[in-house]
Amino acid sequence: MSDKPDMAKIEKFNKSKFKKTESKRKNPLPSEETIEEEKQAGES
């Protein structure tokens, strides 16, 4: 058994079997404005 994948199987793979999905961010990063507000609140 080799460490390399069988490229023939990859090339024959049918992408149309996949379902279309929409990805959503579960935990978006805060904006620069929010970060600055929190920094100022912490300094007070």
PDB file of N, CA and C in Angstrom:
ATOM      1  N   MET A   1       0.845  -1.188   0.000  1.00  0.00           N
ATOM      2  CA  MET A   1       0.000   0.000   0.000  1.00  0.00           C
ATOM      3  C   MET A   1       0.886   1.245   0.000  1.00  0.00           C
ATOM      4  N   SER A   2       0.649   2.135  -0.946  1.00  0.00           N
ATOM      5  CA  SER A   2       1.479   3.335  -1.043  1.00  0.00           C
ATOM      6  C   SER A   2       0.869   4.490  -0.254  1.00  0.00           C
ATOM      7  N   ASP A   3       1.688   5.489   0.010  1.00  0.00           N
ATOM      8  CA  ASP A   3       1.231   6.666   0.754  1.00  0.00           C
ATOM      9  C   ASP A   3       0.490   7.652  -0.129  1.00  0.00           C
ATOM     10  N   LYS A   4       0.654   7.547  -1.447  1.00  0.00           N
ATOM     11  CA  LYS A   4       0.034   8.488  -2.375  1.00  0.00           C
ATOM     12  C   LYS A   4      -1.374   8.036  -2.756  1.00  0.00           C
ATOM     13  N   PRO A   5      -2.327   8.982  -2.887  1.00  0.00           N
ATOM     14  CA  PRO A   5      -3.687   8.617  -3.278  1.00  0.00           C
ATOM     15  C   PRO A   5      -3.733   8.177  -4.745  1.00  0.00           C
ATOM     16  N   ASP A   6      -4.740   7.391  -5.077  1.00  0.00           N
ATOM     17  CA  ASP A   6      -4.931   6.931  -6.451  1.00  0.00           C
ATOM     18  C   ASP A   6      -5.572   8.068  -7.247  1.00  0.00           C
ATOM     19  N   MET A   7      -4.791   8.742  -8.077  1.00  0.00           N
ATOM     20  CA  MET A   7      -5.261   9.915  -8.808  1.00  0.00           C
ATOM     21  C   MET A   7      -6.355   9.569  -9.826  1.00  0.00           C
ATOM     22  N   ALA A   8      -6.364   8.354 -10.346  1.00  0.00           N
ATOM     23  CA  ALA A   8      -7.380   7.958 -11.321  1.00  0.00           C
ATOM     24  C   ALA A   8      -8.776   8.025 -10.696  1.00  0.00           C
ATOM     25  N   LYS A   9      -8.894   7.597  -9.462  1.00  0.00           N
ATOM     26  CA  LYS A   9     -10.197   7.639  -8.774  1.00  0.00           C
ATOM     27  C   LYS A   9     -10.624   9.087  -8.535  1.00  0.00           C
ATOM     28  N   ILE A  10      -9.671   9.945  -8.222  1.00  0.00           N
ATOM     29  CA  ILE A  10      -9.979  11.355  -7.975  1.00  0.00           C
ATOM     30  C   ILE A  10     -10.467  12.029  -9.260  1.00  0.00           C
ATOM     31  N   GLU A  11      -9.811  11.736 -10.368  1.00  0.00           N
ATOM     32  CA  GLU A  11     -10.184  12.350 -11.644  1.00  0.00           C
ATOM     33  C   GLU A  11     -11.566  11.896 -12.119  1.00  0.00           C
ATOM     34  N   LYS A  12     -11.968  10.684 -11.762  1.00  0.00           N
ATOM     35  CA  LYS A  12     -13.258  10.144 -12.199  1.00  0.00           C
ATOM     36  C   LYS A  12     -14.407  10.552 -11.273  1.00  0.00           C
ATOM     37  N   PHE A  13     -14.093  11.167 -10.136  1.00  0.00           N
ATOM     38  CA  PHE A  13     -15.120  11.505  -9.151  1.00  0.00           C
ATOM     39  C   PHE A  13     -16.151  12.462  -9.741  1.00  0.00           C
ATOM     40  N   ASN A  14     -17.408  12.201  -9.478  1.00  0.00           N
ATOM     41  CA  ASN A  14     -18.500  13.002 -10.016  1.00  0.00           C
ATOM     42  C   ASN A  14     -18.895  14.079  -8.996  1.00  0.00           C
ATOM     43  N   LYS A  15     -18.538  15.331  -9.266  1.00  0.00           N
ATOM     44  CA  LYS A  15     -18.816  16.440  -8.350  1.00  0.00           C
ATOM     45  C   LYS A  15     -20.302  16.760  -8.264  1.00  0.00           C
ATOM     46  N   SER A  16     -21.073  16.361  -9.260  1.00  0.00           N
ATOM     47  CA  SER A  16     -22.498  16.705  -9.270  1.00  0.00           C
ATOM     48  C   SER A  16     -23.281  15.965  -8.181  1.00  0.00           C
ATOM     49  N   LYS A  17     -22.672  14.995  -7.526  1.00  0.00           N
ATOM     50  CA  LYS A  17     -23.342  14.275  -6.437  1.00  0.00           C
ATOM     51  C   LYS A  17     -23.412  15.115  -5.166  1.00  0.00           C
ATOM     52  N   PHE A  18     -22.576  16.143  -5.092  1.00  0.00           N
ATOM     53  CA  PHE A  18     -22.589  17.009  -3.918  1.00  0.00           C
ATOM     54  C   PHE A  18     -23.841  17.867  -3.891  1.00  0.00           C
ATOM     55  N   LYS A  19     -24.328  18.168  -2.691  1.00  0.00           N
ATOM     56  CA  LYS A  19     -25.454  19.080  -2.532  1.00  0.00           C
ATOM     57  C   LYS A  19     -24.899  20.484  -2.364  1.00  0.00           C
ATOM     58  N   LYS A  20     -25.604  21.464  -2.906  1.00  0.00           N
ATOM     59  CA  LYS A  20     -25.202  22.860  -2.751  1.00  0.00           C
ATOM     60  C   LYS A  20     -25.591  23.322  -1.351  1.00  0.00           C
ATOM     61  N   THR A  21     -24.659  23.968  -0.673  1.00  0.00           N
ATOM     62  CA  THR A  21     -24.936  24.496   0.661  1.00  0.00           C
ATOM     63  C   THR A  21     -24.408  25.917   0.756  1.00  0.00           C
ATOM     64  N   GLU A  22     -24.982  26.673   1.674  1.00  0.00           N
ATOM     65  CA  GLU A  22     -24.496  28.009   1.951  1.00  0.00           C
ATOM     66  C   GLU A  22     -23.810  27.999   3.300  1.00  0.00           C
ATOM     67  N   SER A  23     -22.625  28.540   3.356  1.00  0.00           N
ATOM     68  CA  SER A  23     -21.912  28.588   4.626  1.00  0.00           C
ATOM     69  C   SER A  23     -22.209  29.911   5.319  1.00  0.00           C
ATOM     70  N   LYS A  24     -22.312  29.844   6.633  1.00  0.00           N
ATOM     71  CA  LYS A  24     -22.573  31.035   7.437  1.00  0.00           C
ATOM     72  C   LYS A  24     -21.542  31.090   8.545  1.00  0.00           C
ATOM     73  N   ARG A  25     -21.107  32.298   8.866  1.00  0.00           N
ATOM     74  CA  ARG A  25     -20.159  32.457   9.963  1.00  0.00           C
ATOM     75  C   ARG A  25     -20.915  32.349  11.277  1.00  0.00           C
ATOM     76  N   LYS A  26     -20.441  31.472  12.134  1.00  0.00           N
ATOM     77  CA  LYS A  26     -21.085  31.312  13.427  1.00  0.00           C
ATOM     78  C   LYS A  26     -20.567  32.309  14.449  1.00  0.00           C
ATOM     79  N   ASN A  27     -19.288  32.637  14.346  1.00  0.00           N
ATOM     80  CA  ASN A  27     -18.680  33.535  15.308  1.00  0.00           C
ATOM     81  C   ASN A  27     -17.805  34.543  14.566  1.00  0.00           C
ATOM     82  N   PRO A  28     -18.419  35.567  13.954  1.00  0.00           N
ATOM     83  CA  PRO A  28     -17.624  36.537  13.198  1.00  0.00           C
ATOM     84  C   PRO A  28     -16.733  37.360  14.127  1.00  0.00           C
ATOM     85  N   LEU A  29     -15.617  37.803  13.615  1.00  0.00           N
ATOM     86  CA  LEU A  29     -14.709  38.626  14.404  1.00  0.00           C
ATOM     87  C   LEU A  29     -15.301  40.016  14.599  1.00  0.00           C
ATOM     88  N   PRO A  30     -14.985  40.648  15.728  1.00  0.00           N
ATOM     89  CA  PRO A  30     -15.510  41.998  15.958  1.00  0.00           C
ATOM     90  C   PRO A  30     -14.863  43.003  15.010  1.00  0.00           C
ATOM     91  N   SER A  31     -15.561  44.082  14.741  1.00  0.00           N
ATOM     92  CA  SER A  31     -15.025  45.124  13.858  1.00  0.00           C
ATOM     93  C   SER A  31     -13.937  45.903  14.592  1.00  0.00           C
ATOM     94  N   GLU A  32     -13.155  46.672  13.828  1.00  0.00           N
ATOM     95  CA  GLU A  32     -12.104  47.494  14.440  1.00  0.00           C
ATOM     96  C   GLU A  32     -12.711  48.505  15.399  1.00  0.00           C
ATOM     97  N   GLU A  33     -13.882  48.992  15.041  1.00  0.00           N
ATOM     98  CA  GLU A  33     -14.571  49.972  15.882  1.00  0.00           C
ATOM     99  C   GLU A  33     -14.923  49.368  17.247  1.00  0.00           C
ATOM    100  N   THR A  34     -15.425  48.162  17.243  1.00  0.00           N
ATOM    101  CA  THR A  34     -15.791  47.481  18.489  1.00  0.00           C
ATOM    102  C   THR A  34     -14.555  47.241  19.350  1.00  0.00           C
ATOM    103  N   ILE A  35     -13.459  46.862  18.735  1.00  0.00           N
ATOM    104  CA  ILE A  35     -12.214  46.617  19.471  1.00  0.00           C
ATOM    105  C   ILE A  35     -11.742  47.900  20.148  1.00  0.00           C
ATOM    106  N   GLU A  36     -11.784  49.012  19.407  1.00  0.00           N
ATOM    107  CA  GLU A  36     -11.360  50.296  19.971  1.00  0.00           C
ATOM    108  C   GLU A  36     -12.251  50.702  21.150  1.00  0.00           C
ATOM    109  N   GLU A  37     -13.564  50.499  21.010  1.00  0.00           N
ATOM    110  CA  GLU A  37     -14.495  50.834  22.101  1.00  0.00           C
ATOM    111  C   GLU A  37     -14.175  50.028  23.341  1.00  0.00           C
ATOM    112  N   GLU A  38     -13.879  48.760  23.174  1.00  0.00           N
ATOM    113  CA  GLU A  38     -13.576  47.909  24.327  1.00  0.00           C
ATOM    114  C   GLU A  38     -12.237  48.308  24.970  1.00  0.00           C
ATOM    115  N   LYS A  39     -11.269  48.702  24.146  1.00  0.00           N
ATOM    116  CA  LYS A  39      -9.982  49.159  24.695  1.00  0.00           C
ATOM    117  C   LYS A  39     -10.182  50.405  25.550  1.00  0.00           C
ATOM    118  N   GLN A  40     -10.999  51.347  25.032  1.00  0.00           N
ATOM    119  CA  GLN A  40     -11.243  52.593  25.776  1.00  0.00           C
ATOM    120  C   GLN A  40     -12.024  52.324  27.045  1.00  0.00           C
ATOM    121  N   ALA A  41     -12.954  51.415  27.016  1.00  0.00           N
ATOM    122  CA  ALA A  41     -13.743  51.091  28.201  1.00  0.00           C
ATOM    123  C   ALA A  41     -12.857  50.433  29.269  1.00  0.00           C
ATOM    124  N   GLY A  42     -11.883  49.644  28.836  1.00  0.00           N
ATOM    125  CA  GLY A  42     -10.981  48.987  29.770  1.00  0.00           C
ATOM    126  C   GLY A  42      -9.996  49.929  30.413  1.00  0.00           C
ATOM    127  N   GLU A  43      -9.639  51.028  29.733  1.00  0.00           N
ATOM    128  CA  GLU A  43      -8.688  52.008  30.252  1.00  0.00           C
ATOM    129  C   GLU A  43      -9.333  52.916  31.305  1.00  0.00           C
ATOM    130  N   SER A  44     -10.619  53.114  31.250  1.00  0.00           N
ATOM    131  CA  SER A  44     -11.324  54.029  32.150  1.00  0.00           C
ATOM    132  C   SER A  44     -11.337  53.532  33.578  1.00  0.00           C
TER     133      SER A  44
END
